[in-house]
Amino acid sequence: AAQLAFARGLEIVEDAGLLAEVAGLVEWPVVLMGAIEDRFLGLPPEVLRTSMKEHQKFFSARNPGTGRIEGFVTVANREAADGGAAILEGNARVLAARLSDALFFWENDLRVVRERGLEGMAAPLAAVTFHGKLGSQADRVARIAALAREIAPKVGAKPDLAAEAARVAKADLASEMVYEFPELQGVMGRYYAAAAGHDDGVPEACEDHWRPMGPSDAVPSHPVAVAVALADKLDMLAGFWAIDETPTGSKDPFALRRAALGVIRIVLENGLRLRLGALAETAVAGSGIETEADATAGDLLSFFADRLKVHLRGEG
């Protein structure tokens, strides 16, 4: 596949998971390469890659000069008399139908953003329940915005900018594209924020506030993104601590251990000094749940200490 792509001036986008899956699907791999139609080249590369991977198990071929995805690679399970021409033609036809759907979602979402802005796109989140005791996604966004405003000066960000980023950071959850491809949450937020005219780190915060998603994922480094990411994770932790839904044993349905580790990594890897206890108390008080904020925050801080020990052991 790499040789085929190189011959056309392209490069294969590496994807170890897809490679393992395709290797398990075929016994006699025959690599075939096709071009993506011009009408789809304006789609974000992440959309093309995700659509081809999820629906067709295709590898993506990227133009190293422009970063655009311009070709696809499919792996047949046999050698065909026509050199795979018919297989390639059939796959290209199916791919065009899939990408037509993605193009429709993309254009619809951009129209909503241009007509109503990102906060208009986010309006349906008021009807989406985050948790029965913690209100809707819109309620949560309001809490994150207030907390991000408070955290901003401590991480070198402007409070107004951090609050603005927090208000629109989860707008893409209401988009058609993220409804179709949930794994693109954040990525699409960056594109829509840029299309809506946001700048000064707001688009980056839309994408990076979800991070880190795992131990190998990078942490946000832009001050606005750092403020929103910390606010997002602290609000989640404070809310579930306030309603006494803490992790027990191996059970952690709301990924609270990951959220706490995310806070720890953001603080450590950005060289920050924060009074997490005070921020946790503010977050608990802002959750709207009647509880002793200082005691709950103290318990949460102990949880951070345990997570820090685990993280440092992992680091040797």
C-alpha atoms as a PDB file:
ATOM      1  CA  ALA A   1       0.000   0.000   0.000  1.00  0.00           C
ATOM      2  CA  ALA A   2       2.831   2.370   0.890  1.00  0.00           C
ATOM      3  CA  GLN A   3       4.491   1.644  -2.471  1.00  0.00           C
ATOM      4  CA  LEU A   4       1.259   2.251  -4.393  1.00  0.00           C
ATOM      5  CA  ALA A   5       0.744   5.543  -2.590  1.00  0.00           C
ATOM      6  CA  PHE A   6       4.356   6.629  -3.107  1.00  0.00           C
ATOM      7  CA  ALA A   7       4.011   6.042  -6.851  1.00  0.00           C
ATOM      8  CA  ARG A   8       1.184   8.594  -6.880  1.00  0.00           C
ATOM      9  CA  GLY A   9       2.992  11.114  -4.694  1.00  0.00           C
ATOM     10  CA  LEU A  10       0.890  10.230  -1.637  1.00  0.00           C
ATOM     11  CA  GLU A  11       1.536   8.604   1.754  1.00  0.00           C
ATOM     12  CA  ILE A  12      -0.508   6.099   3.732  1.00  0.00           C
ATOM     13  CA  VAL A  13      -1.974   7.375   6.999  1.00  0.00           C
ATOM     14  CA  GLU A  14      -0.760   4.845   9.549  1.00  0.00           C
ATOM     15  CA  ASP A  15      -3.458   3.074  11.551  1.00  0.00           C
ATOM     16  CA  ALA A  16      -2.251   0.054  13.515  1.00  0.00           C
ATOM     17  CA  GLY A  17      -5.755  -0.901  14.668  1.00  0.00           C
ATOM     18  CA  LEU A  18      -7.187  -0.929  11.146  1.00  0.00           C
ATOM     19  CA  LEU A  19      -4.162  -2.842   9.866  1.00  0.00           C
ATOM     20  CA  ALA A  20      -4.689  -5.568  12.475  1.00  0.00           C
ATOM     21  CA  GLU A  21      -8.405  -5.739  11.659  1.00  0.00           C
ATOM     22  CA  VAL A  22      -7.891  -6.002   7.900  1.00  0.00           C
ATOM     23  CA  ALA A  23      -5.117  -8.579   8.367  1.00  0.00           C
ATOM     24  CA  GLY A  24      -7.634 -10.672  10.285  1.00  0.00           C
ATOM     25  CA  LEU A  25     -10.282 -10.324   7.568  1.00  0.00           C
ATOM     26  CA  VAL A  26      -8.288 -11.515   4.566  1.00  0.00           C
ATOM     27  CA  GLU A  27      -6.272 -14.650   3.802  1.00  0.00           C
ATOM     28  CA  TRP A  28      -4.862 -13.637   0.412  1.00  0.00           C
ATOM     29  CA  PRO A  29      -4.388  -9.861   0.612  1.00  0.00           C
ATOM     30  CA  VAL A  30      -4.374  -7.990  -2.688  1.00  0.00           C
ATOM     31  CA  VAL A  31      -3.942  -4.239  -2.300  1.00  0.00           C
ATOM     32  CA  LEU A  32      -5.897  -1.943  -4.628  1.00  0.00           C
ATOM     33  CA  MET A  33      -5.774   1.843  -4.704  1.00  0.00           C
ATOM     34  CA  GLY A  34      -8.345   4.336  -5.954  1.00  0.00           C
ATOM     35  CA  ALA A  35      -8.832   8.104  -6.015  1.00  0.00           C
ATOM     36  CA  ILE A  36     -11.398  10.113  -4.069  1.00  0.00           C
ATOM     37  CA  GLU A  37     -13.754  12.207  -6.194  1.00  0.00           C
ATOM     38  CA  ASP A  38     -12.976  15.919  -6.361  1.00  0.00           C
ATOM     39  CA  ARG A  39     -16.328  16.884  -4.800  1.00  0.00           C
ATOM     40  CA  PHE A  40     -15.322  15.217  -1.521  1.00  0.00           C
ATOM     41  CA  LEU A  41     -11.822  16.687  -1.232  1.00  0.00           C
ATOM     42  CA  GLY A  42     -13.127  19.724   0.677  1.00  0.00           C
ATOM     43  CA  LEU A  43     -14.271  17.544   3.596  1.00  0.00           C
ATOM     44  CA  PRO A  44     -12.036  17.669   6.682  1.00  0.00           C
ATOM     45  CA  PRO A  45      -9.375  14.919   6.469  1.00  0.00           C
ATOM     46  CA  GLU A  46     -10.586  13.448   9.787  1.00  0.00           C
ATOM     47  CA  VAL A  47     -14.083  12.999   8.321  1.00  0.00           C
ATOM     48  CA  LEU A  48     -12.780  11.200   5.241  1.00  0.00           C
ATOM     49  CA  ARG A  49     -10.529   8.967   7.311  1.00  0.00           C
ATOM     50  CA  THR A  50     -13.241   8.094   9.843  1.00  0.00           C
ATOM     51  CA  SER A  51     -15.908   7.415   7.220  1.00  0.00           C
ATOM     52  CA  MET A  52     -13.613   5.191   5.151  1.00  0.00           C
ATOM     53  CA  LYS A  53     -12.307   3.330   8.178  1.00  0.00           C
ATOM     54  CA  GLU A  54     -15.629   2.762   9.957  1.00  0.00           C
ATOM     55  CA  HIS A  55     -17.784   1.910   6.946  1.00  0.00           C
ATOM     56  CA  GLN A  56     -15.400   0.383   4.422  1.00  0.00           C
ATOM     57  CA  LYS A  57     -12.195  -0.641   6.265  1.00  0.00           C
ATOM     58  CA  PHE A  58     -10.230   1.479   3.774  1.00  0.00           C
ATOM     59  CA  PHE A  59      -6.827   2.968   4.456  1.00  0.00           C
ATOM     60  CA  SER A  60      -6.397   6.662   3.686  1.00  0.00           C
ATOM     61  CA  ALA A  61      -3.766   8.090   1.329  1.00  0.00           C
ATOM     62  CA  ARG A  62      -2.712  11.638   2.116  1.00  0.00           C
ATOM     63  CA  ASN A  63      -1.075  14.329   0.025  1.00  0.00           C
ATOM     64  CA  PRO A  64       1.962  15.271   2.169  1.00  0.00           C
ATOM     65  CA  GLY A  65       2.024  18.754   0.659  1.00  0.00           C
ATOM     66  CA  THR A  66      -1.569  19.774   1.422  1.00  0.00           C
ATOM     67  CA  GLY A  67      -2.563  17.303   4.148  1.00  0.00           C
ATOM     68  CA  ARG A  68      -5.690  16.403   2.140  1.00  0.00           C
ATOM     69  CA  ILE A  69      -6.893  12.814   1.874  1.00  0.00           C
ATOM     70  CA  GLU A  70      -6.882  12.178  -1.887  1.00  0.00           C
ATOM     71  CA  GLY A  71      -6.863   8.395  -2.224  1.00  0.00           C
ATOM     72  CA  PHE A  72      -8.081   5.197  -0.611  1.00  0.00           C
ATOM     73  CA  VAL A  73      -6.658   1.704  -0.347  1.00  0.00           C
ATOM     74  CA  THR A  74      -8.838  -1.372  -0.126  1.00  0.00           C
ATOM     75  CA  VAL A  75      -7.592  -4.920   0.407  1.00  0.00           C
ATOM     76  CA  ALA A  76      -9.241  -7.639  -1.676  1.00  0.00           C
ATOM     77  CA  ASN A  77      -9.150 -11.283  -0.635  1.00  0.00           C
ATOM     78  CA  ARG A  78      -8.261 -12.677  -4.075  1.00  0.00           C
ATOM     79  CA  GLU A  79      -6.416 -11.950  -7.283  1.00  0.00           C
ATOM     80  CA  ALA A  80      -8.851 -10.987 -10.046  1.00  0.00           C
ATOM     81  CA  ALA A  81      -8.383 -11.634 -13.766  1.00  0.00           C
ATOM     82  CA  ASP A  82      -8.911  -7.938 -14.521  1.00  0.00           C
ATOM     83  CA  GLY A  83      -6.308  -6.855 -11.973  1.00  0.00           C
ATOM     84  CA  GLY A  84      -9.013  -5.835  -9.516  1.00  0.00           C
ATOM     85  CA  ALA A  85     -10.621  -3.181 -11.718  1.00  0.00           C
ATOM     86  CA  ALA A  86     -14.188  -4.375 -11.071  1.00  0.00           C
ATOM     87  CA  ILE A  87     -13.559  -4.703  -7.326  1.00  0.00           C
ATOM     88  CA  LEU A  88     -12.116  -1.200  -7.237  1.00  0.00           C
ATOM     89  CA  GLU A  89     -15.025   0.221  -9.237  1.00  0.00           C
ATOM     90  CA  GLY A  90     -17.586  -1.339  -6.898  1.00  0.00           C
ATOM     91  CA  ASN A  91     -15.778  -0.116  -3.809  1.00  0.00           C
ATOM     92  CA  ALA A  92     -15.478   3.395  -5.245  1.00  0.00           C
ATOM     93  CA  ARG A  93     -19.231   3.460  -5.918  1.00  0.00           C
ATOM     94  CA  VAL A  94     -20.077   2.424  -2.343  1.00  0.00           C
ATOM     95  CA  LEU A  95     -17.538   4.907  -0.970  1.00  0.00           C
ATOM     96  CA  ALA A  96     -19.099   7.745  -2.982  1.00  0.00           C
ATOM     97  CA  ALA A  97     -22.483   6.987  -1.395  1.00  0.00           C
ATOM     98  CA  ARG A  98     -20.966   7.019   2.101  1.00  0.00           C
ATOM     99  CA  LEU A  99     -19.066  10.231   1.501  1.00  0.00           C
ATOM    100  CA  SER A 100     -22.185  11.851   0.047  1.00  0.00           C
ATOM    101  CA  ASP A 101     -23.821  11.357   3.455  1.00  0.00           C
ATOM    102  CA  ALA A 102     -20.795  12.879   5.196  1.00  0.00           C
ATOM    103  CA  LEU A 103     -20.823  15.835   2.784  1.00  0.00           C
ATOM    104  CA  PHE A 104     -24.526  16.383   3.503  1.00  0.00           C
ATOM    105  CA  PHE A 105     -23.900  16.415   7.280  1.00  0.00           C
ATOM    106  CA  TRP A 106     -20.924  18.767   6.886  1.00  0.00           C
ATOM    107  CA  GLU A 107     -22.807  21.274   4.734  1.00  0.00           C
ATOM    108  CA  ASN A 108     -25.868  21.164   7.003  1.00  0.00           C
ATOM    109  CA  ASP A 109     -23.777  21.769  10.107  1.00  0.00           C
ATOM    110  CA  LEU A 110     -21.922  24.662   8.472  1.00  0.00           C
ATOM    111  CA  ARG A 111     -25.253  26.223   7.497  1.00  0.00           C
ATOM    112  CA  VAL A 112     -26.463  26.010  11.118  1.00  0.00           C
ATOM    113  CA  VAL A 113     -23.206  27.550  12.376  1.00  0.00           C
ATOM    114  CA  ARG A 114     -23.380  30.432   9.893  1.00  0.00           C
ATOM    115  CA  GLU A 115     -27.031  31.145  10.603  1.00  0.00           C
ATOM    116  CA  ARG A 116     -27.111  30.692  14.383  1.00  0.00           C
ATOM    117  CA  GLY A 117     -23.514  30.584  15.570  1.00  0.00           C
ATOM    118  CA  LEU A 118     -22.048  27.873  17.777  1.00  0.00           C
ATOM    119  CA  GLU A 119     -24.212  28.794  20.758  1.00  0.00           C
ATOM    120  CA  GLY A 120     -27.226  28.379  18.469  1.00  0.00           C
ATOM    121  CA  MET A 121     -25.942  24.951  17.419  1.00  0.00           C
ATOM    122  CA  ALA A 122     -25.600  24.087  21.125  1.00  0.00           C
ATOM    123  CA  ALA A 123     -29.219  25.052  21.968  1.00  0.00           C
ATOM    124  CA  PRO A 124     -30.567  21.446  21.710  1.00  0.00           C
ATOM    125  CA  LEU A 125     -28.226  20.419  24.559  1.00  0.00           C
ATOM    126  CA  ALA A 126     -30.761  21.953  26.969  1.00  0.00           C
ATOM    127  CA  ALA A 127     -32.970  18.934  26.207  1.00  0.00           C
ATOM    128  CA  VAL A 128     -30.175  16.371  26.655  1.00  0.00           C
ATOM    129  CA  THR A 129     -29.846  14.985  30.188  1.00  0.00           C
ATOM    130  CA  PHE A 130     -26.291  14.699  31.480  1.00  0.00           C
ATOM    131  CA  HIS A 131     -27.368  12.965  34.709  1.00  0.00           C
ATOM    132  CA  GLY A 132     -30.695  12.807  36.505  1.00  0.00           C
ATOM    133  CA  LYS A 133     -29.314  14.627  39.561  1.00  0.00           C
ATOM    134  CA  LEU A 134     -26.920  16.962  37.736  1.00  0.00           C
ATOM    135  CA  GLY A 135     -29.229  18.423  35.100  1.00  0.00           C
ATOM    136  CA  SER A 136     -28.869  18.790  31.352  1.00  0.00           C
ATOM    137  CA  GLN A 137     -25.791  19.145  29.167  1.00  0.00           C
ATOM    138  CA  ALA A 138     -26.623  22.860  28.915  1.00  0.00           C
ATOM    139  CA  ASP A 139     -26.613  23.141  32.736  1.00  0.00           C
ATOM    140  CA  ARG A 140     -23.223  21.485  32.762  1.00  0.00           C
ATOM    141  CA  VAL A 141     -21.880  23.828  30.079  1.00  0.00           C
ATOM    142  CA  ALA A 142     -22.935  26.826  32.225  1.00  0.00           C
ATOM    143  CA  ARG A 143     -21.094  25.369  35.234  1.00  0.00           C
ATOM    144  CA  ILE A 144     -17.963  24.699  33.173  1.00  0.00           C
ATOM    145  CA  ALA A 145     -18.009  28.266  31.812  1.00  0.00           C
ATOM    146  CA  ALA A 146     -18.175  29.741  35.326  1.00  0.00           C
ATOM    147  CA  LEU A 147     -15.384  27.473  36.543  1.00  0.00           C
ATOM    148  CA  ALA A 148     -13.209  28.132  33.468  1.00  0.00           C
ATOM    149  CA  ARG A 149     -13.506  31.874  34.116  1.00  0.00           C
ATOM    150  CA  GLU A 150     -12.134  31.329  37.625  1.00  0.00           C
ATOM    151  CA  ILE A 151      -9.332  28.990  36.526  1.00  0.00           C
ATOM    152  CA  ALA A 152      -8.217  31.153  33.566  1.00  0.00           C
ATOM    153  CA  PRO A 153      -6.008  33.689  35.429  1.00  0.00           C
ATOM    154  CA  LYS A 154      -4.239  30.844  37.222  1.00  0.00           C
ATOM    155  CA  VAL A 155      -3.145  29.235  33.919  1.00  0.00           C
ATOM    156  CA  GLY A 156      -2.354  32.386  31.944  1.00  0.00           C
ATOM    157  CA  ALA A 157      -5.631  32.672  29.999  1.00  0.00           C
ATOM    158  CA  LYS A 158      -8.059  35.579  29.678  1.00  0.00           C
ATOM    159  CA  PRO A 159     -11.221  34.891  31.767  1.00  0.00           C
ATOM    160  CA  ASP A 160     -13.657  36.145  29.100  1.00  0.00           C
ATOM    161  CA  LEU A 161     -11.989  34.036  26.430  1.00  0.00           C
ATOM    162  CA  ALA A 162     -12.012  30.912  28.613  1.00  0.00           C
ATOM    163  CA  ALA A 163     -15.715  31.396  29.393  1.00  0.00           C
ATOM    164  CA  GLU A 164     -16.482  31.935  25.686  1.00  0.00           C
ATOM    165  CA  ALA A 165     -14.610  28.735  24.780  1.00  0.00           C
ATOM    166  CA  ALA A 166     -16.410  26.767  27.499  1.00  0.00           C
ATOM    167  CA  ARG A 167     -19.838  27.930  26.269  1.00  0.00           C
ATOM    168  CA  VAL A 168     -19.198  26.572  22.757  1.00  0.00           C
ATOM    169  CA  ALA A 169     -16.809  23.673  23.468  1.00  0.00           C
ATOM    170  CA  LYS A 170     -19.555  21.044  23.491  1.00  0.00           C
ATOM    171  CA  ALA A 171     -21.707  22.557  20.712  1.00  0.00           C
ATOM    172  CA  ASP A 172     -20.565  19.904  18.232  1.00  0.00           C
ATOM    173  CA  LEU A 173     -22.356  17.252  20.325  1.00  0.00           C
ATOM    174  CA  ALA A 174     -25.540  18.637  18.732  1.00  0.00           C
ATOM    175  CA  SER A 175     -24.117  18.437  15.194  1.00  0.00           C
ATOM    176  CA  GLU A 176     -25.201  15.880  12.612  1.00  0.00           C
ATOM    177  CA  MET A 177     -21.592  14.903  11.949  1.00  0.00           C
ATOM    178  CA  VAL A 178     -20.846  13.969  15.576  1.00  0.00           C
ATOM    179  CA  TYR A 179     -24.200  12.183  15.824  1.00  0.00           C
ATOM    180  CA  GLU A 180     -23.021  10.004  12.913  1.00  0.00           C
ATOM    181  CA  PHE A 181     -19.378   9.747  14.052  1.00  0.00           C
ATOM    182  CA  PRO A 182     -19.157  10.220  17.865  1.00  0.00           C
ATOM    183  CA  GLU A 183     -15.383   9.739  17.755  1.00  0.00           C
ATOM    184  CA  LEU A 184     -15.112  13.102  15.944  1.00  0.00           C
ATOM    185  CA  GLN A 185     -16.365  15.083  18.963  1.00  0.00           C
ATOM    186  CA  GLY A 186     -13.963  17.927  19.587  1.00  0.00           C
ATOM    187  CA  VAL A 187     -12.365  17.643  16.143  1.00  0.00           C
ATOM    188  CA  MET A 188     -15.547  18.911  14.506  1.00  0.00           C
ATOM    189  CA  GLY A 189     -15.908  21.502  17.257  1.00  0.00           C
ATOM    190  CA  ARG A 190     -12.595  23.031  16.145  1.00  0.00           C
ATOM    191  CA  TYR A 191     -13.757  23.259  12.521  1.00  0.00           C
ATOM    192  CA  TYR A 192     -17.160  24.717  13.448  1.00  0.00           C
ATOM    193  CA  ALA A 193     -15.624  27.241  15.869  1.00  0.00           C
ATOM    194  CA  ALA A 194     -13.279  28.467  13.137  1.00  0.00           C
ATOM    195  CA  ALA A 195     -16.188  28.664  10.672  1.00  0.00           C
ATOM    196  CA  ALA A 196     -18.174  30.709  13.208  1.00  0.00           C
ATOM    197  CA  GLY A 197     -15.327  33.230  13.467  1.00  0.00           C
ATOM    198  CA  HIS A 198     -13.968  32.272  16.874  1.00  0.00           C
ATOM    199  CA  ASP A 199     -10.213  32.658  17.351  1.00  0.00           C
ATOM    200  CA  ASP A 200      -7.590  33.320  20.066  1.00  0.00           C
ATOM    201  CA  GLY A 201      -7.455  29.679  21.150  1.00  0.00           C
ATOM    202  CA  VAL A 202     -11.220  29.011  21.211  1.00  0.00           C
ATOM    203  CA  PRO A 203     -11.190  26.491  18.299  1.00  0.00           C
ATOM    204  CA  GLU A 204      -8.240  24.686  19.903  1.00  0.00           C
ATOM    205  CA  ALA A 205     -10.125  24.545  23.224  1.00  0.00           C
ATOM    206  CA  CYS A 206     -13.128  22.958  21.479  1.00  0.00           C
ATOM    207  CA  GLU A 207     -10.908  20.104  20.324  1.00  0.00           C
ATOM    208  CA  ASP A 208      -8.459  19.785  23.198  1.00  0.00           C
ATOM    209  CA  HIS A 209     -10.704  20.131  26.250  1.00  0.00           C
ATOM    210  CA  TRP A 210     -11.583  16.429  25.925  1.00  0.00           C
ATOM    211  CA  ARG A 211      -7.926  15.480  26.301  1.00  0.00           C
ATOM    212  CA  PRO A 212      -6.199  13.450  27.530  1.00  0.00           C
ATOM    213  CA  MET A 213      -8.488  10.579  26.505  1.00  0.00           C
ATOM    214  CA  GLY A 214      -5.953   7.962  27.594  1.00  0.00           C
ATOM    215  CA  PRO A 215      -2.432   7.484  28.952  1.00  0.00           C
ATOM    216  CA  SER A 216      -0.810   7.924  25.523  1.00  0.00           C
ATOM    217  CA  ASP A 217      -2.900  10.956  24.535  1.00  0.00           C
ATOM    218  CA  ALA A 218      -1.310  14.419  24.592  1.00  0.00           C
ATOM    219  CA  VAL A 219      -2.585  17.011  27.074  1.00  0.00           C
ATOM    220  CA  PRO A 220      -3.820  20.485  26.042  1.00  0.00           C
ATOM    221  CA  SER A 221      -1.141  23.169  26.192  1.00  0.00           C
ATOM    222  CA  HIS A 222      -2.840  26.378  24.982  1.00  0.00           C
ATOM    223  CA  PRO A 223      -3.886  28.387  28.102  1.00  0.00           C
ATOM    224  CA  VAL A 224      -7.543  28.689  27.002  1.00  0.00           C
ATOM    225  CA  ALA A 225      -7.761  24.961  26.280  1.00  0.00           C
ATOM    226  CA  VAL A 226      -6.080  24.176  29.617  1.00  0.00           C
ATOM    227  CA  ALA A 227      -8.631  26.306  31.507  1.00  0.00           C
ATOM    228  CA  VAL A 228     -11.610  24.653  29.802  1.00  0.00           C
ATOM    229  CA  ALA A 229     -10.169  21.128  30.101  1.00  0.00           C
ATOM    230  CA  LEU A 230      -9.553  21.553  33.829  1.00  0.00           C
ATOM    231  CA  ALA A 231     -13.014  23.073  34.348  1.00  0.00           C
ATOM    232  CA  ASP A 232     -14.642  20.232  32.397  1.00  0.00           C
ATOM    233  CA  LYS A 233     -12.947  17.511  34.417  1.00  0.00           C
ATOM    234  CA  LEU A 234     -13.275  19.241  37.804  1.00  0.00           C
ATOM    235  CA  ASP A 235     -16.994  19.859  37.226  1.00  0.00           C
ATOM    236  CA  MET A 236     -17.533  16.194  36.386  1.00  0.00           C
ATOM    237  CA  LEU A 237     -15.606  14.988  39.427  1.00  0.00           C
ATOM    238  CA  ALA A 238     -17.200  17.507  41.811  1.00  0.00           C
ATOM    239  CA  GLY A 239     -20.698  16.725  40.564  1.00  0.00           C
ATOM    240  CA  PHE A 240     -20.405  12.977  41.018  1.00  0.00           C
ATOM    241  CA  TRP A 241     -18.703  13.395  44.391  1.00  0.00           C
ATOM    242  CA  ALA A 242     -21.551  15.683  45.472  1.00  0.00           C
ATOM    243  CA  ILE A 243     -24.180  13.038  44.615  1.00  0.00           C
ATOM    244  CA  ASP A 244     -22.003  10.262  46.094  1.00  0.00           C
ATOM    245  CA  GLU A 245     -21.468   8.399  42.807  1.00  0.00           C
ATOM    246  CA  THR A 246     -17.771   7.676  43.356  1.00  0.00           C
ATOM    247  CA  PRO A 247     -15.762   4.812  41.788  1.00  0.00           C
ATOM    248  CA  THR A 248     -15.862   1.560  43.732  1.00  0.00           C
ATOM    249  CA  GLY A 249     -13.452  -1.312  43.162  1.00  0.00           C
ATOM    250  CA  SER A 250     -13.277  -1.988  39.435  1.00  0.00           C
ATOM    251  CA  LYS A 251     -16.511  -0.105  38.743  1.00  0.00           C
ATOM    252  CA  ASP A 252     -16.102   3.377  37.284  1.00  0.00           C
ATOM    253  CA  PRO A 253     -18.991   3.865  34.813  1.00  0.00           C
ATOM    254  CA  PHE A 254     -18.401   7.620  34.446  1.00  0.00           C
ATOM    255  CA  ALA A 255     -14.614   7.319  33.885  1.00  0.00           C
ATOM    256  CA  LEU A 256     -13.879   9.468  36.947  1.00  0.00           C
ATOM    257  CA  ARG A 257     -10.435   7.917  37.445  1.00  0.00           C
ATOM    258  CA  ARG A 258      -9.544   8.973  33.911  1.00  0.00           C
ATOM    259  CA  ALA A 259     -10.833  12.494  34.583  1.00  0.00           C
ATOM    260  CA  ALA A 260      -8.722  12.793  37.754  1.00  0.00           C
ATOM    261  CA  LEU A 261      -5.639  11.487  35.969  1.00  0.00           C
ATOM    262  CA  GLY A 262      -6.349  13.998  33.206  1.00  0.00           C
ATOM    263  CA  VAL A 263      -6.285  16.856  35.716  1.00  0.00           C
ATOM    264  CA  ILE A 264      -3.030  15.555  37.209  1.00  0.00           C
ATOM    265  CA  ARG A 265      -1.335  15.216  33.810  1.00  0.00           C
ATOM    266  CA  ILE A 266      -2.491  18.666  32.647  1.00  0.00           C
ATOM    267  CA  VAL A 267      -1.088  20.247  35.813  1.00  0.00           C
ATOM    268  CA  LEU A 268       2.212  18.319  35.749  1.00  0.00           C
ATOM    269  CA  GLU A 269       2.972  18.495  32.027  1.00  0.00           C
ATOM    270  CA  ASN A 270       2.182  22.205  31.807  1.00  0.00           C
ATOM    271  CA  GLY A 271       4.214  23.006  34.941  1.00  0.00           C
ATOM    272  CA  LEU A 272       1.214  24.591  36.703  1.00  0.00           C
ATOM    273  CA  ARG A 273       0.805  25.358  40.405  1.00  0.00           C
ATOM    274  CA  LEU A 274      -2.848  25.275  41.462  1.00  0.00           C
ATOM    275  CA  ARG A 275      -4.708  24.984  44.736  1.00  0.00           C
ATOM    276  CA  LEU A 276      -6.814  22.028  43.630  1.00  0.00           C
ATOM    277  CA  GLY A 277      -8.598  21.857  46.985  1.00  0.00           C
ATOM    278  CA  ALA A 278      -9.974  25.385  46.603  1.00  0.00           C
ATOM    279  CA  LEU A 279     -10.959  24.766  42.968  1.00  0.00           C
ATOM    280  CA  ALA A 280     -12.647  21.503  43.929  1.00  0.00           C
ATOM    281  CA  GLU A 281     -14.602  23.298  46.658  1.00  0.00           C
ATOM    282  CA  THR A 282     -15.734  25.941  44.150  1.00  0.00           C
ATOM    283  CA  ALA A 283     -16.773  23.220  41.716  1.00  0.00           C
ATOM    284  CA  VAL A 284     -18.728  21.328  44.389  1.00  0.00           C
ATOM    285  CA  ALA A 285     -20.476  24.522  45.500  1.00  0.00           C
ATOM    286  CA  GLY A 286     -21.371  25.277  41.873  1.00  0.00           C
ATOM    287  CA  SER A 287     -22.846  21.816  41.261  1.00  0.00           C
ATOM    288  CA  GLY A 288     -26.193  22.861  42.725  1.00  0.00           C
ATOM    289  CA  ILE A 289     -26.238  19.823  45.031  1.00  0.00           C
ATOM    290  CA  GLU A 290     -26.774  20.403  48.751  1.00  0.00           C
ATOM    291  CA  THR A 291     -23.688  19.018  50.430  1.00  0.00           C
ATOM    292  CA  GLU A 292     -20.855  20.144  52.674  1.00  0.00           C
ATOM    293  CA  ALA A 293     -18.583  21.605  50.012  1.00  0.00           C
ATOM    294  CA  ASP A 294     -15.395  21.603  52.103  1.00  0.00           C
ATOM    295  CA  ALA A 295     -15.791  17.987  53.255  1.00  0.00           C
ATOM    296  CA  THR A 296     -16.697  16.754  49.768  1.00  0.00           C
ATOM    297  CA  ALA A 297     -13.786  18.672  48.247  1.00  0.00           C
ATOM    298  CA  GLY A 298     -11.456  17.203  50.867  1.00  0.00           C
ATOM    299  CA  ASP A 299     -12.580  13.695  49.948  1.00  0.00           C
ATOM    300  CA  LEU A 300     -12.048  14.511  46.266  1.00  0.00           C
ATOM    301  CA  LEU A 301      -8.551  15.817  47.006  1.00  0.00           C
ATOM    302  CA  SER A 302      -7.718  12.488  48.681  1.00  0.00           C
ATOM    303  CA  PHE A 303      -8.845  10.766  45.476  1.00  0.00           C
ATOM    304  CA  PHE A 304      -6.444  12.999  43.503  1.00  0.00           C
ATOM    305  CA  ALA A 305      -3.642  11.985  45.875  1.00  0.00           C
ATOM    306  CA  ASP A 306      -4.347   8.283  45.238  1.00  0.00           C
ATOM    307  CA  ARG A 307      -4.416   8.860  41.462  1.00  0.00           C
ATOM    308  CA  LEU A 308      -1.148  10.783  41.671  1.00  0.00           C
ATOM    309  CA  LYS A 309       0.511   7.842  43.427  1.00  0.00           C
ATOM    310  CA  VAL A 310      -0.701   5.484  40.687  1.00  0.00           C
ATOM    311  CA  HIS A 311       0.526   7.882  37.987  1.00  0.00           C
ATOM    312  CA  LEU A 312       3.961   8.316  39.563  1.00  0.00           C
ATOM    313  CA  ARG A 313       4.381   4.578  40.000  1.00  0.00           C
ATOM    314  CA  GLY A 314       3.562   4.174  36.329  1.00  0.00           C
ATOM    315  CA  GLU A 315       6.222   6.764  35.520  1.00  0.00           C
ATOM    316  CA  GLY A 316       8.753   4.828  37.566  1.00  0.00           C
END
